[in-house]
């Protein structure tokens, strides 16, 4: 039986998701926003049973800090895995077009 990890999200990650969905809602409508939210939530929940589906970030500074990144169609989910506690902590969810290196370093 495969161990499921517990998903925890920081306030920053929740705020990021809220901003992304609000932007999509304002620019593309509620239906598109709800679909995007469902896709994000599905990707995040998939980490519970497959914590290593993400990859190491491109930038050394983020790799050294222990981040993994899961790429969705338009977003990047930055997280860390705690194998001892069986936790996955979602630190940030950013649109791929954002300057994510600057944002993540500020966490």
N, C-alpha and C. Protein backbone atom coordinates (compact mmCIF):
# COMPACT_ATOMS: atom_id res chain seq x y z
N UNK A 1 0.84 -1.19 0.00
CA UNK A 1 0.00 0.00 0.00
C UNK A 1 0.88 1.24 0.00
N UNK A 2 0.53 2.15 -0.85
CA UNK A 2 1.30 3.38 -1.01
C UNK A 2 0.93 4.38 0.09
N UNK A 3 1.95 5.00 0.66
CA UNK A 3 1.72 5.99 1.72
C UNK A 3 1.25 7.30 1.08
N UNK A 4 0.20 7.87 1.65
CA UNK A 4 -0.28 9.17 1.19
C UNK A 4 0.30 10.26 2.08
N UNK A 5 0.77 11.29 1.46
CA UNK A 5 1.32 12.43 2.18
C UNK A 5 0.19 13.41 2.47
N UNK A 6 0.37 14.14 3.55
CA UNK A 6 -0.60 15.18 3.91
C UNK A 6 -0.18 16.47 3.20
N UNK A 7 -1.13 17.12 2.55
CA UNK A 7 -0.87 18.37 1.85
C UNK A 7 -1.19 19.54 2.78
N UNK A 8 -0.21 20.41 2.93
CA UNK A 8 -0.43 21.66 3.69
C UNK A 8 -0.07 22.81 2.78
N UNK A 9 -0.85 23.88 2.88
CA UNK A 9 -0.58 25.06 2.05
C UNK A 9 -0.31 26.25 2.95
N UNK A 10 0.67 27.03 2.57
CA UNK A 10 0.94 28.26 3.31
C UNK A 10 -0.11 29.31 2.94
N UNK A 11 -0.20 30.34 3.76
CA UNK A 11 -1.10 31.44 3.44
C UNK A 11 -0.72 32.10 2.12
N UNK A 12 0.59 32.14 1.85
CA UNK A 12 1.06 32.71 0.58
C UNK A 12 0.52 31.90 -0.59
N UNK A 13 0.60 30.58 -0.51
CA UNK A 13 0.10 29.73 -1.59
C UNK A 13 -1.40 29.92 -1.79
N UNK A 14 -2.16 29.98 -0.69
CA UNK A 14 -3.60 30.21 -0.81
C UNK A 14 -3.88 31.56 -1.46
N UNK A 15 -3.13 32.57 -1.07
CA UNK A 15 -3.29 33.90 -1.64
C UNK A 15 -2.94 33.90 -3.13
N UNK A 16 -1.88 33.18 -3.49
CA UNK A 16 -1.49 33.07 -4.90
C UNK A 16 -2.61 32.47 -5.73
N UNK A 17 -3.18 31.38 -5.23
CA UNK A 17 -4.26 30.70 -5.95
C UNK A 17 -5.46 31.64 -6.10
N UNK A 18 -5.80 32.32 -5.03
CA UNK A 18 -6.91 33.26 -5.06
C UNK A 18 -6.70 34.33 -6.13
N UNK A 19 -5.49 34.90 -6.17
CA UNK A 19 -5.18 35.95 -7.15
C UNK A 19 -5.24 35.42 -8.58
N UNK A 20 -4.71 34.24 -8.80
CA UNK A 20 -4.74 33.65 -10.15
C UNK A 20 -6.17 33.44 -10.61
N UNK A 21 -6.99 32.86 -9.75
CA UNK A 21 -8.38 32.55 -10.12
C UNK A 21 -9.18 33.84 -10.30
N UNK A 22 -8.94 34.83 -9.46
CA UNK A 22 -9.62 36.12 -9.60
C UNK A 22 -9.26 36.77 -10.94
N UNK A 23 -7.98 36.73 -11.29
CA UNK A 23 -7.53 37.29 -12.57
C UNK A 23 -8.23 36.59 -13.74
N UNK A 24 -8.27 35.26 -13.69
CA UNK A 24 -8.92 34.50 -14.77
C UNK A 24 -10.40 34.83 -14.83
N UNK A 25 -11.05 34.92 -13.68
CA UNK A 25 -12.48 35.25 -13.63
C UNK A 25 -12.75 36.61 -14.26
N UNK A 26 -11.92 37.59 -13.89
CA UNK A 26 -12.14 38.96 -14.40
C UNK A 26 -11.87 39.07 -15.90
N UNK A 27 -10.96 38.27 -16.41
CA UNK A 27 -10.56 38.39 -17.80
C UNK A 27 -11.18 37.36 -18.74
N UNK A 28 -11.57 36.21 -18.20
CA UNK A 28 -12.07 35.14 -19.07
C UNK A 28 -13.41 34.55 -18.63
N UNK A 29 -13.90 34.96 -17.47
CA UNK A 29 -15.20 34.51 -17.02
C UNK A 29 -15.14 33.43 -15.95
N UNK A 30 -16.26 33.29 -15.27
CA UNK A 30 -16.36 32.37 -14.14
C UNK A 30 -16.16 30.92 -14.53
N UNK A 31 -16.69 30.52 -15.66
CA UNK A 31 -16.58 29.11 -16.07
C UNK A 31 -15.10 28.73 -16.29
N UNK A 32 -14.36 29.59 -16.95
CA UNK A 32 -12.94 29.33 -17.20
C UNK A 32 -12.17 29.34 -15.88
N UNK A 33 -12.53 30.26 -14.98
CA UNK A 33 -11.87 30.35 -13.68
C UNK A 33 -12.10 29.08 -12.85
N UNK A 34 -13.33 28.59 -12.84
CA UNK A 34 -13.64 27.37 -12.09
C UNK A 34 -12.90 26.16 -12.66
N UNK A 35 -12.80 26.10 -13.98
CA UNK A 35 -12.06 25.00 -14.61
C UNK A 35 -10.58 25.08 -14.21
N UNK A 36 -10.02 26.29 -14.22
CA UNK A 36 -8.61 26.48 -13.85
C UNK A 36 -8.39 26.10 -12.38
N UNK A 37 -9.33 26.48 -11.51
CA UNK A 37 -9.22 26.14 -10.09
C UNK A 37 -9.26 24.62 -9.90
N UNK A 38 -10.17 23.96 -10.59
CA UNK A 38 -10.25 22.49 -10.50
C UNK A 38 -8.96 21.83 -10.96
N UNK A 39 -8.36 22.33 -12.04
CA UNK A 39 -7.11 21.76 -12.54
C UNK A 39 -5.98 21.95 -11.53
N UNK A 40 -5.92 23.14 -10.92
CA UNK A 40 -4.90 23.42 -9.91
C UNK A 40 -5.08 22.51 -8.70
N UNK A 41 -6.29 22.42 -8.20
CA UNK A 41 -6.56 21.58 -7.03
C UNK A 41 -6.27 20.11 -7.31
N UNK A 42 -6.58 19.66 -8.52
CA UNK A 42 -6.31 18.27 -8.88
C UNK A 42 -4.80 18.02 -8.90
N UNK A 43 -4.04 18.94 -9.47
CA UNK A 43 -2.58 18.79 -9.52
C UNK A 43 -1.99 18.75 -8.11
N UNK A 44 -2.48 19.64 -7.24
CA UNK A 44 -1.98 19.69 -5.86
C UNK A 44 -2.34 18.39 -5.12
N UNK A 45 -3.57 17.94 -5.27
CA UNK A 45 -3.98 16.72 -4.55
C UNK A 45 -3.25 15.49 -5.06
N UNK A 46 -2.82 15.52 -6.33
CA UNK A 46 -2.06 14.40 -6.89
C UNK A 46 -0.72 14.21 -6.17
N UNK A 47 -0.20 15.29 -5.61
CA UNK A 47 1.07 15.21 -4.88
C UNK A 47 0.97 14.31 -3.64
N UNK A 48 -0.23 14.16 -3.09
CA UNK A 48 -0.40 13.34 -1.89
C UNK A 48 0.03 11.90 -2.12
N UNK A 49 -0.24 11.37 -3.30
CA UNK A 49 0.15 10.00 -3.59
C UNK A 49 1.40 9.90 -4.47
N UNK A 50 1.79 11.01 -5.07
CA UNK A 50 2.97 11.04 -5.94
C UNK A 50 3.81 12.28 -5.66
N UNK A 51 4.44 12.37 -4.50
CA UNK A 51 5.15 13.61 -4.13
C UNK A 51 6.33 13.95 -5.04
N UNK A 52 6.84 12.97 -5.76
CA UNK A 52 8.03 13.23 -6.58
C UNK A 52 7.71 13.43 -8.07
N UNK A 53 6.44 13.76 -8.38
CA UNK A 53 6.11 14.02 -9.79
C UNK A 53 6.64 15.37 -10.24
N UNK A 54 6.94 16.25 -9.31
CA UNK A 54 7.55 17.52 -9.65
C UNK A 54 9.03 17.33 -9.97
N UNK A 55 9.65 18.39 -10.41
CA UNK A 55 11.07 18.35 -10.75
C UNK A 55 11.83 19.37 -9.91
N UNK A 56 13.14 19.27 -9.95
CA UNK A 56 13.94 20.27 -9.28
C UNK A 56 13.88 21.56 -10.09
N UNK A 57 13.82 22.70 -9.40
CA UNK A 57 13.78 23.98 -10.12
C UNK A 57 15.05 24.21 -10.93
N UNK A 58 14.94 25.02 -11.92
CA UNK A 58 16.06 25.33 -12.80
C UNK A 58 17.16 26.10 -12.07
N UNK A 59 16.77 26.94 -11.13
CA UNK A 59 17.74 27.80 -10.44
C UNK A 59 18.35 27.12 -9.22
N UNK A 60 19.68 27.16 -9.12
CA UNK A 60 20.40 26.52 -8.01
C UNK A 60 19.92 26.99 -6.65
N UNK A 61 19.65 28.29 -6.52
CA UNK A 61 19.25 28.83 -5.22
C UNK A 61 17.98 28.15 -4.72
N UNK A 62 17.06 27.85 -5.61
CA UNK A 62 15.81 27.17 -5.22
C UNK A 62 16.06 25.69 -4.95
N UNK A 63 16.92 25.07 -5.73
CA UNK A 63 17.26 23.66 -5.49
C UNK A 63 17.91 23.50 -4.12
N UNK A 64 18.86 24.39 -3.80
CA UNK A 64 19.55 24.30 -2.51
C UNK A 64 18.59 24.49 -1.34
N UNK A 65 17.52 25.23 -1.54
CA UNK A 65 16.53 25.43 -0.48
C UNK A 65 15.55 24.27 -0.39
N UNK A 66 15.68 23.29 -1.27
CA UNK A 66 14.87 22.08 -1.17
C UNK A 66 13.53 22.12 -1.88
N UNK A 67 13.32 23.09 -2.74
CA UNK A 67 12.05 23.18 -3.45
C UNK A 67 11.97 22.16 -4.58
N UNK A 68 10.76 21.70 -4.82
CA UNK A 68 10.40 20.97 -6.03
C UNK A 68 9.36 21.84 -6.72
N UNK A 69 9.20 21.64 -8.02
CA UNK A 69 8.20 22.42 -8.74
C UNK A 69 7.39 21.50 -9.64
N UNK A 70 6.08 21.65 -9.55
CA UNK A 70 5.16 20.91 -10.40
C UNK A 70 4.59 21.90 -11.40
N UNK A 71 4.73 21.59 -12.67
CA UNK A 71 4.25 22.48 -13.73
C UNK A 71 2.90 22.00 -14.21
N UNK A 72 1.94 22.93 -14.24
CA UNK A 72 0.65 22.65 -14.84
C UNK A 72 0.61 23.40 -16.18
N UNK A 73 -0.54 23.46 -16.82
CA UNK A 73 -0.63 24.13 -18.12
C UNK A 73 -0.07 25.55 -18.08
N UNK A 74 -0.44 26.31 -17.05
CA UNK A 74 -0.03 27.72 -17.01
C UNK A 74 0.57 28.15 -15.68
N UNK A 75 0.72 27.21 -14.76
CA UNK A 75 1.17 27.59 -13.42
C UNK A 75 2.32 26.71 -12.93
N UNK A 76 3.01 27.23 -11.93
CA UNK A 76 4.09 26.51 -11.27
C UNK A 76 3.73 26.38 -9.80
N UNK A 77 3.80 25.17 -9.27
CA UNK A 77 3.50 24.91 -7.87
C UNK A 77 4.82 24.59 -7.18
N UNK A 78 5.24 25.45 -6.26
CA UNK A 78 6.49 25.26 -5.54
C UNK A 78 6.20 24.62 -4.20
N UNK A 79 6.88 23.52 -3.91
CA UNK A 79 6.61 22.78 -2.68
C UNK A 79 7.87 22.11 -2.17
N UNK A 80 7.78 21.68 -0.91
CA UNK A 80 8.85 20.90 -0.29
C UNK A 80 8.23 19.63 0.27
N UNK A 81 9.03 18.57 0.28
CA UNK A 81 8.59 17.26 0.75
C UNK A 81 9.28 16.97 2.08
N UNK A 82 8.49 16.60 3.07
CA UNK A 82 9.02 16.15 4.36
C UNK A 82 8.72 14.66 4.46
N UNK A 83 9.71 13.83 4.10
CA UNK A 83 9.50 12.38 4.11
C UNK A 83 9.31 11.82 5.51
N UNK A 84 9.88 12.47 6.52
CA UNK A 84 9.75 11.98 7.89
C UNK A 84 8.31 12.15 8.37
N UNK A 85 7.76 13.33 8.19
CA UNK A 85 6.38 13.60 8.64
C UNK A 85 5.33 13.22 7.60
N UNK A 86 5.80 12.84 6.41
CA UNK A 86 4.89 12.53 5.30
C UNK A 86 4.01 13.74 4.97
N UNK A 87 4.66 14.90 4.91
CA UNK A 87 3.99 16.16 4.59
C UNK A 87 4.51 16.71 3.27
N UNK A 88 3.64 17.39 2.58
CA UNK A 88 4.03 18.21 1.43
C UNK A 88 3.53 19.61 1.76
N UNK A 89 4.45 20.56 1.73
CA UNK A 89 4.09 21.95 2.02
C UNK A 89 4.14 22.73 0.72
N UNK A 90 2.99 23.27 0.33
CA UNK A 90 2.90 24.10 -0.86
C UNK A 90 3.24 25.53 -0.43
N UNK A 91 4.32 26.05 -1.00
CA UNK A 91 4.79 27.39 -0.61
C UNK A 91 4.28 28.48 -1.53
N UNK A 92 4.12 28.19 -2.81
CA UNK A 92 3.67 29.21 -3.74
C UNK A 92 3.08 28.54 -4.98
N UNK A 93 2.12 29.23 -5.56
CA UNK A 93 1.53 28.82 -6.83
C UNK A 93 1.53 30.07 -7.70
N UNK A 94 2.32 30.02 -8.76
CA UNK A 94 2.54 31.20 -9.58
C UNK A 94 2.27 30.92 -11.05
N UNK A 95 1.83 31.96 -11.74
CA UNK A 95 1.68 31.86 -13.19
C UNK A 95 3.07 31.74 -13.79
N UNK A 96 3.21 30.94 -14.82
CA UNK A 96 4.51 30.72 -15.43
C UNK A 96 5.14 32.01 -15.95
N UNK A 97 4.32 32.99 -16.28
CA UNK A 97 4.85 34.23 -16.84
C UNK A 97 5.39 35.19 -15.77
N UNK A 98 5.17 34.87 -14.49
CA UNK A 98 5.65 35.72 -13.41
C UNK A 98 7.15 35.53 -13.19
N UNK A 99 7.79 36.53 -12.59
CA UNK A 99 9.20 36.46 -12.23
C UNK A 99 9.30 35.64 -10.94
N UNK A 100 9.20 34.32 -11.11
CA UNK A 100 9.06 33.46 -9.93
C UNK A 100 10.32 33.37 -9.09
N UNK A 101 11.49 33.53 -9.66
CA UNK A 101 12.71 33.42 -8.86
C UNK A 101 12.73 34.52 -7.80
N UNK A 102 12.35 35.72 -8.18
CA UNK A 102 12.32 36.85 -7.23
C UNK A 102 11.25 36.62 -6.16
N UNK A 103 10.12 36.11 -6.55
CA UNK A 103 9.01 35.89 -5.62
C UNK A 103 9.37 34.80 -4.61
N UNK A 104 9.88 33.68 -5.09
CA UNK A 104 10.20 32.56 -4.21
C UNK A 104 11.31 32.93 -3.24
N UNK A 105 12.31 33.67 -3.70
CA UNK A 105 13.40 34.07 -2.81
C UNK A 105 12.89 34.94 -1.67
N UNK A 106 11.77 35.62 -1.88
CA UNK A 106 11.20 36.47 -0.85
C UNK A 106 10.39 35.73 0.20
N UNK A 107 10.19 34.43 0.02
CA UNK A 107 9.38 33.66 1.00
C UNK A 107 10.15 33.39 2.27
